[in-house]
């Protein structure tokens, strides 16, 4: 039983859509239940509901709700960000399709581990892997009445102490040695994730790529979704297809050309624009995949 009461709060929001935000392939620990969204942020289980321009939240012993405001990025002006996007037909369609979608601000290690697990997997499979990792290696958390059991995401130190076989039992497959290697590198102090926010984008990316299983795409996902580097522009199969079909018809640009184009064309919030374009391309084709 929880040692503290369940507390609640309401936030007045503008241009915020929880459903599309949680379903767009940036985070994998949210589930819909009875008209609400339930998930874990750090060491807290939380239940969220949205009604028009209001988000209500329930959690145990929150002390204050700054952690939730930060995670949901409630103080960000989405109107100002979207206004910086290019006004071409494809981006206008993506903005309309993904109306109210926000980028979350996730805990770096959980975000990194989740995207190491994401390689060539569909969203539902990534959700299964992160759920198994949490239930087997994380700590149980108090939850609201009628809710499923919830667990914190395991620390890098806890994963580092696991065996490859134990991680493979969480359906990680070939990703198991990569996650294990990354966790052990962090646990040994080879890279300090807390320092990355202070570095220029290129230096932060270079440090992440030193970790096992981390390429440019995964590094940029972490830099965008965990650190808020607005110029990080993850390029997966959907974005590559979108850029080729929309902006480079009848041409096959090299990766360096795509990178240069993305950094200049999509403006100061190119990472945000990328996520709108990604979700639009993925869902408009009826698929639920975030592949490398």
Protein backbone atom coordinates (compact mmCIF):
# COMPACT_ATOMS: atom_id res chain seq x y z
CA UNK A 1 0.00 0.00 0.00
CA UNK A 2 1.27 3.52 -0.76
CA UNK A 3 2.54 5.43 2.27
CA UNK A 4 1.15 8.74 1.00
CA UNK A 5 -2.20 9.79 -0.47
CA UNK A 6 -2.96 10.06 -4.15
CA UNK A 7 -2.83 13.74 -5.08
CA UNK A 8 -4.21 15.51 -8.12
CA UNK A 9 -3.73 18.72 -10.06
CA UNK A 10 -5.13 20.38 -13.16
CA UNK A 11 -3.21 22.27 -15.83
CA UNK A 12 -4.79 24.67 -18.28
CA UNK A 13 -3.18 24.00 -21.65
CA UNK A 14 -3.32 25.41 -25.14
CA UNK A 15 -2.60 23.48 -28.34
CA UNK A 16 -1.83 20.24 -26.51
CA UNK A 17 -2.88 16.75 -27.63
CA UNK A 18 -1.84 14.00 -25.21
CA UNK A 19 -2.98 11.19 -27.48
CA UNK A 20 -0.84 12.13 -30.47
CA UNK A 21 2.07 13.13 -28.21
CA UNK A 22 2.20 9.71 -26.57
CA UNK A 23 1.54 7.77 -29.78
CA UNK A 24 4.06 9.47 -32.09
CA UNK A 25 7.01 7.17 -31.40
CA UNK A 26 9.08 9.29 -29.03
CA UNK A 27 8.23 7.51 -25.73
CA UNK A 28 7.22 3.92 -25.04
CA UNK A 29 5.93 3.66 -21.47
CA UNK A 30 2.43 5.10 -21.79
CA UNK A 31 -0.77 3.06 -22.02
CA UNK A 32 -4.37 4.09 -22.39
CA UNK A 33 -6.76 2.89 -19.71
CA UNK A 34 -10.37 3.95 -19.19
CA UNK A 35 -10.03 7.22 -21.05
CA UNK A 36 -6.80 8.12 -19.25
CA UNK A 37 -3.10 7.74 -19.98
CA UNK A 38 -0.99 5.92 -17.38
CA UNK A 39 2.77 5.88 -17.30
CA UNK A 40 5.92 6.28 -15.23
CA UNK A 41 8.11 9.36 -15.09
CA UNK A 42 11.29 8.69 -13.15
CA UNK A 43 10.16 7.00 -9.94
CA UNK A 44 6.54 8.18 -10.11
CA UNK A 45 3.49 6.48 -11.55
CA UNK A 46 1.11 9.06 -13.00
CA UNK A 47 -2.35 9.06 -14.55
CA UNK A 48 -3.29 11.82 -17.00
CA UNK A 49 -6.63 12.82 -18.47
CA UNK A 50 -7.37 15.48 -21.03
CA UNK A 51 -10.58 17.36 -21.64
CA UNK A 52 -10.25 20.07 -24.26
CA UNK A 53 -7.86 22.67 -22.80
CA UNK A 54 -7.28 20.98 -19.45
CA UNK A 55 -4.97 18.14 -18.40
CA UNK A 56 -5.59 16.58 -14.99
CA UNK A 57 -2.93 14.49 -13.26
CA UNK A 58 -2.86 12.04 -10.36
CA UNK A 59 0.25 10.77 -8.60
CA UNK A 60 1.59 9.91 -5.15
CA UNK A 61 3.55 12.37 -3.01
CA UNK A 62 4.50 14.72 -5.85
CA UNK A 63 5.81 17.44 -3.46
CA UNK A 64 5.38 19.84 -6.36
CA UNK A 65 4.40 19.28 -9.95
CA UNK A 66 7.41 20.88 -11.64
CA UNK A 67 8.68 17.45 -12.70
CA UNK A 68 5.48 16.89 -14.67
CA UNK A 69 5.45 20.36 -16.19
CA UNK A 70 9.02 19.77 -17.33
CA UNK A 71 8.34 16.31 -18.76
CA UNK A 72 5.22 17.43 -20.64
CA UNK A 73 6.86 20.72 -21.67
CA UNK A 74 3.73 22.61 -20.62
CA UNK A 75 5.42 26.00 -20.69
CA UNK A 76 6.52 25.75 -24.32
CA UNK A 77 4.63 27.85 -26.85
CA UNK A 78 3.74 25.39 -29.58
CA UNK A 79 2.34 28.20 -31.75
CA UNK A 80 5.73 29.93 -31.82
CA UNK A 81 7.53 26.70 -32.70
CA UNK A 82 5.15 25.69 -35.49
CA UNK A 83 5.37 29.21 -36.94
CA UNK A 84 9.06 28.57 -37.70
CA UNK A 85 8.30 25.51 -39.87
CA UNK A 86 8.51 25.88 -43.66
CA UNK A 87 5.12 26.61 -45.20
CA UNK A 88 5.27 24.00 -47.95
CA UNK A 89 2.26 21.70 -48.61
CA UNK A 90 3.82 18.66 -46.94
CA UNK A 91 4.65 20.45 -43.69
CA UNK A 92 1.26 22.16 -43.60
CA UNK A 93 -0.39 18.76 -43.98
CA UNK A 94 1.82 17.31 -41.23
CA UNK A 95 0.97 20.15 -38.83
CA UNK A 96 -2.73 19.66 -39.50
CA UNK A 97 -2.48 15.88 -39.11
CA UNK A 98 -0.46 16.10 -35.85
CA UNK A 99 -2.23 19.09 -34.33
CA UNK A 100 -1.18 19.60 -30.70
CA UNK A 101 1.76 17.20 -30.71
CA UNK A 102 4.53 18.10 -28.26
CA UNK A 103 8.05 16.86 -27.75
CA UNK A 104 8.49 15.46 -24.26
CA UNK A 105 11.59 15.90 -22.12
CA UNK A 106 12.55 12.40 -21.08
CA UNK A 107 15.11 11.08 -18.61
CA UNK A 108 18.30 10.56 -20.68
CA UNK A 109 19.21 6.99 -19.70
CA UNK A 110 15.69 5.64 -20.15
CA UNK A 111 15.43 7.42 -23.50
CA UNK A 112 18.81 6.07 -24.63
CA UNK A 113 18.03 2.51 -23.56
CA UNK A 114 14.60 2.64 -25.22
CA UNK A 115 16.04 3.71 -28.55
CA UNK A 116 18.81 1.11 -28.40
CA UNK A 117 15.95 -1.37 -28.12
CA UNK A 118 14.08 0.27 -31.00
CA UNK A 119 16.29 -0.88 -33.86
CA UNK A 120 14.12 -2.51 -36.59
CA UNK A 121 11.22 -2.91 -34.16
CA UNK A 122 7.62 -1.71 -34.22
CA UNK A 123 6.38 0.61 -31.47
CA UNK A 124 4.32 -2.11 -29.78
CA UNK A 125 7.41 -4.34 -29.60
CA UNK A 126 9.52 -1.56 -28.11
CA UNK A 127 6.79 -1.08 -25.52
CA UNK A 128 6.94 -4.78 -24.66
CA UNK A 129 10.72 -4.72 -24.26
CA UNK A 130 10.78 -1.64 -22.04
CA UNK A 131 7.92 -3.05 -19.96
CA UNK A 132 9.78 -6.35 -19.44
CA UNK A 133 13.02 -4.57 -18.55
CA UNK A 134 11.17 -2.46 -16.00
CA UNK A 135 9.22 -5.30 -14.40
CA UNK A 136 12.30 -7.53 -14.08
CA UNK A 137 14.96 -4.99 -13.15
CA UNK A 138 13.09 -1.89 -11.93
CA UNK A 139 11.42 -1.12 -8.60
CA UNK A 140 7.66 -1.52 -7.99
CA UNK A 141 5.75 1.75 -7.62
CA UNK A 142 2.45 2.62 -5.93
CA UNK A 143 -0.38 2.96 -8.45
CA UNK A 144 -3.96 4.18 -8.37
CA UNK A 145 -6.89 1.88 -7.72
CA UNK A 146 -7.67 -0.39 -10.66
CA UNK A 147 -4.37 0.32 -12.42
CA UNK A 148 -1.89 -2.24 -13.65
CA UNK A 149 1.38 -2.76 -11.78
CA UNK A 150 4.03 -0.16 -12.54
CA UNK A 151 7.81 -0.19 -12.19
CA UNK A 152 10.57 2.37 -12.47
CA UNK A 153 12.90 2.00 -15.41
CA UNK A 154 16.06 0.16 -14.28
CA UNK A 155 19.17 2.22 -13.78
CA UNK A 156 22.22 1.78 -15.97
CA UNK A 157 23.99 0.20 -12.97
CA UNK A 158 21.24 -2.40 -12.61
CA UNK A 159 21.33 -3.29 -16.30
CA UNK A 160 25.13 -3.39 -16.17
CA UNK A 161 24.90 -6.06 -13.46
CA UNK A 162 22.61 -8.25 -15.58
CA UNK A 163 23.69 -10.97 -17.96
CA UNK A 164 23.15 -10.96 -21.70
CA UNK A 165 20.87 -13.98 -21.31
CA UNK A 166 18.70 -12.10 -18.82
CA UNK A 167 18.33 -9.22 -21.26
CA UNK A 168 17.55 -11.57 -24.13
CA UNK A 169 14.76 -12.98 -21.96
CA UNK A 170 13.21 -9.50 -22.22
CA UNK A 171 12.85 -10.05 -26.00
CA UNK A 172 15.82 -7.84 -26.86
CA UNK A 173 17.41 -10.31 -29.27
CA UNK A 174 20.56 -8.94 -30.91
CA UNK A 175 20.03 -5.65 -29.06
CA UNK A 176 20.87 -7.27 -25.70
CA UNK A 177 24.68 -7.01 -25.97
CA UNK A 178 24.37 -3.41 -27.18
CA UNK A 179 22.21 -2.37 -24.22
CA UNK A 180 24.48 -4.27 -21.84
CA UNK A 181 27.58 -2.66 -23.32
CA UNK A 182 26.09 0.83 -23.14
CA UNK A 183 24.98 0.32 -19.53
CA UNK A 184 28.41 -0.95 -18.50
CA UNK A 185 30.14 1.95 -20.23
CA UNK A 186 27.96 4.44 -18.36
CA UNK A 187 28.31 2.57 -15.07
CA UNK A 188 32.08 2.66 -15.47
CA UNK A 189 31.98 6.43 -15.97
CA UNK A 190 33.20 6.40 -19.58
CA UNK A 191 30.45 8.87 -20.47
CA UNK A 192 28.53 11.18 -18.15
CA UNK A 193 25.03 11.71 -19.56
CA UNK A 194 24.47 14.68 -17.25
CA UNK A 195 27.19 16.61 -19.12
CA UNK A 196 25.73 16.31 -22.60
CA UNK A 197 23.27 19.16 -22.17
CA UNK A 198 26.19 21.56 -21.71
CA UNK A 199 27.92 20.56 -24.95
CA UNK A 200 27.43 21.73 -28.53
CA UNK A 201 25.22 19.42 -30.56
CA UNK A 202 28.05 17.87 -32.61
CA UNK A 203 30.13 17.09 -29.51
CA UNK A 204 27.18 15.61 -27.64
CA UNK A 205 26.33 13.43 -30.65
CA UNK A 206 29.94 12.25 -30.96
CA UNK A 207 30.00 11.19 -27.31
CA UNK A 208 26.80 9.17 -27.62
CA UNK A 209 28.02 7.42 -30.77
CA UNK A 210 30.91 6.02 -28.72
CA UNK A 211 28.40 3.79 -26.92
CA UNK A 212 27.64 0.29 -28.24
CA UNK A 213 24.56 0.13 -30.43
CA UNK A 214 24.31 3.90 -30.86
CA UNK A 215 24.50 5.40 -34.34
CA UNK A 216 23.66 8.88 -35.56
CA UNK A 217 19.90 8.26 -35.69
CA UNK A 218 19.64 6.91 -32.13
CA UNK A 219 21.96 9.64 -30.84
CA UNK A 220 19.80 12.33 -32.43
CA UNK A 221 16.64 10.78 -30.96
CA UNK A 222 18.17 10.99 -27.49
CA UNK A 223 19.46 14.52 -28.02
CA UNK A 224 16.04 15.67 -29.21
CA UNK A 225 13.72 13.79 -26.83
CA UNK A 226 15.83 13.83 -23.67
CA UNK A 227 17.88 17.02 -23.96
CA UNK A 228 15.81 19.25 -26.20
CA UNK A 229 18.47 19.89 -28.85
CA UNK A 230 16.18 21.49 -31.41
CA UNK A 231 18.66 21.03 -34.26
CA UNK A 232 18.91 17.27 -33.74
CA UNK A 233 17.19 15.71 -36.75
CA UNK A 234 16.79 11.91 -36.52
CA UNK A 235 16.71 10.33 -39.98
CA UNK A 236 15.03 6.92 -40.16
CA UNK A 237 13.35 5.15 -43.08
CA UNK A 238 10.22 7.32 -42.86
CA UNK A 239 12.08 10.63 -42.81
CA UNK A 240 14.47 9.50 -45.52
CA UNK A 241 11.48 8.51 -47.66
CA UNK A 242 9.71 11.81 -46.96
CA UNK A 243 12.74 13.90 -47.85
CA UNK A 244 13.33 12.00 -51.06
CA UNK A 245 9.70 11.94 -52.20
CA UNK A 246 8.82 15.50 -51.22
CA UNK A 247 12.01 17.52 -51.47
CA UNK A 248 14.27 15.49 -53.78
CA UNK A 249 11.97 13.95 -56.40
CA UNK A 250 13.77 11.90 -59.05
CA UNK A 251 17.02 12.21 -57.08
CA UNK A 252 18.78 10.05 -54.48
CA UNK A 253 20.67 12.47 -52.24
CA UNK A 254 23.56 11.25 -50.14
CA UNK A 255 23.20 11.30 -46.33
CA UNK A 256 25.44 14.38 -46.10
CA UNK A 257 23.15 16.25 -48.50
CA UNK A 258 20.06 15.25 -46.51
CA UNK A 259 21.71 16.40 -43.27
CA UNK A 260 22.72 19.75 -44.74
CA UNK A 261 19.24 20.27 -46.17
CA UNK A 262 17.50 19.39 -42.89
CA UNK A 263 19.71 21.77 -40.91
CA UNK A 264 18.96 24.73 -43.16
CA UNK A 265 15.47 24.18 -44.55
CA UNK A 266 13.40 23.32 -41.48
CA UNK A 267 14.44 26.26 -39.34
CA UNK A 268 15.57 26.63 -35.72
CA UNK A 269 13.18 23.91 -34.53
CA UNK A 270 14.05 21.37 -37.20
CA UNK A 271 13.87 18.49 -34.73
CA UNK A 272 10.28 19.41 -33.92
CA UNK A 273 9.46 19.64 -37.62
CA UNK A 274 11.05 16.23 -38.14
CA UNK A 275 8.74 14.61 -35.58
CA UNK A 276 5.67 16.12 -37.22
CA UNK A 277 6.83 14.90 -40.61
CA UNK A 278 7.75 11.47 -39.21
CA UNK A 279 4.40 10.87 -37.53
CA UNK A 280 2.50 12.17 -40.54
CA UNK A 281 4.35 9.86 -42.94
CA UNK A 282 4.10 6.85 -40.65
CA UNK A 283 0.41 7.11 -39.73
CA UNK A 284 -0.81 8.31 -43.10
CA UNK A 285 0.44 4.99 -44.44
CA UNK A 286 -1.24 2.98 -41.72
CA UNK A 287 1.95 1.65 -40.13
CA UNK A 288 3.25 1.76 -36.53
CA UNK A 289 6.98 1.33 -36.96
CA UNK A 290 10.03 3.32 -35.91
CA UNK A 291 12.85 1.56 -37.69
CA UNK A 292 16.53 2.40 -38.10
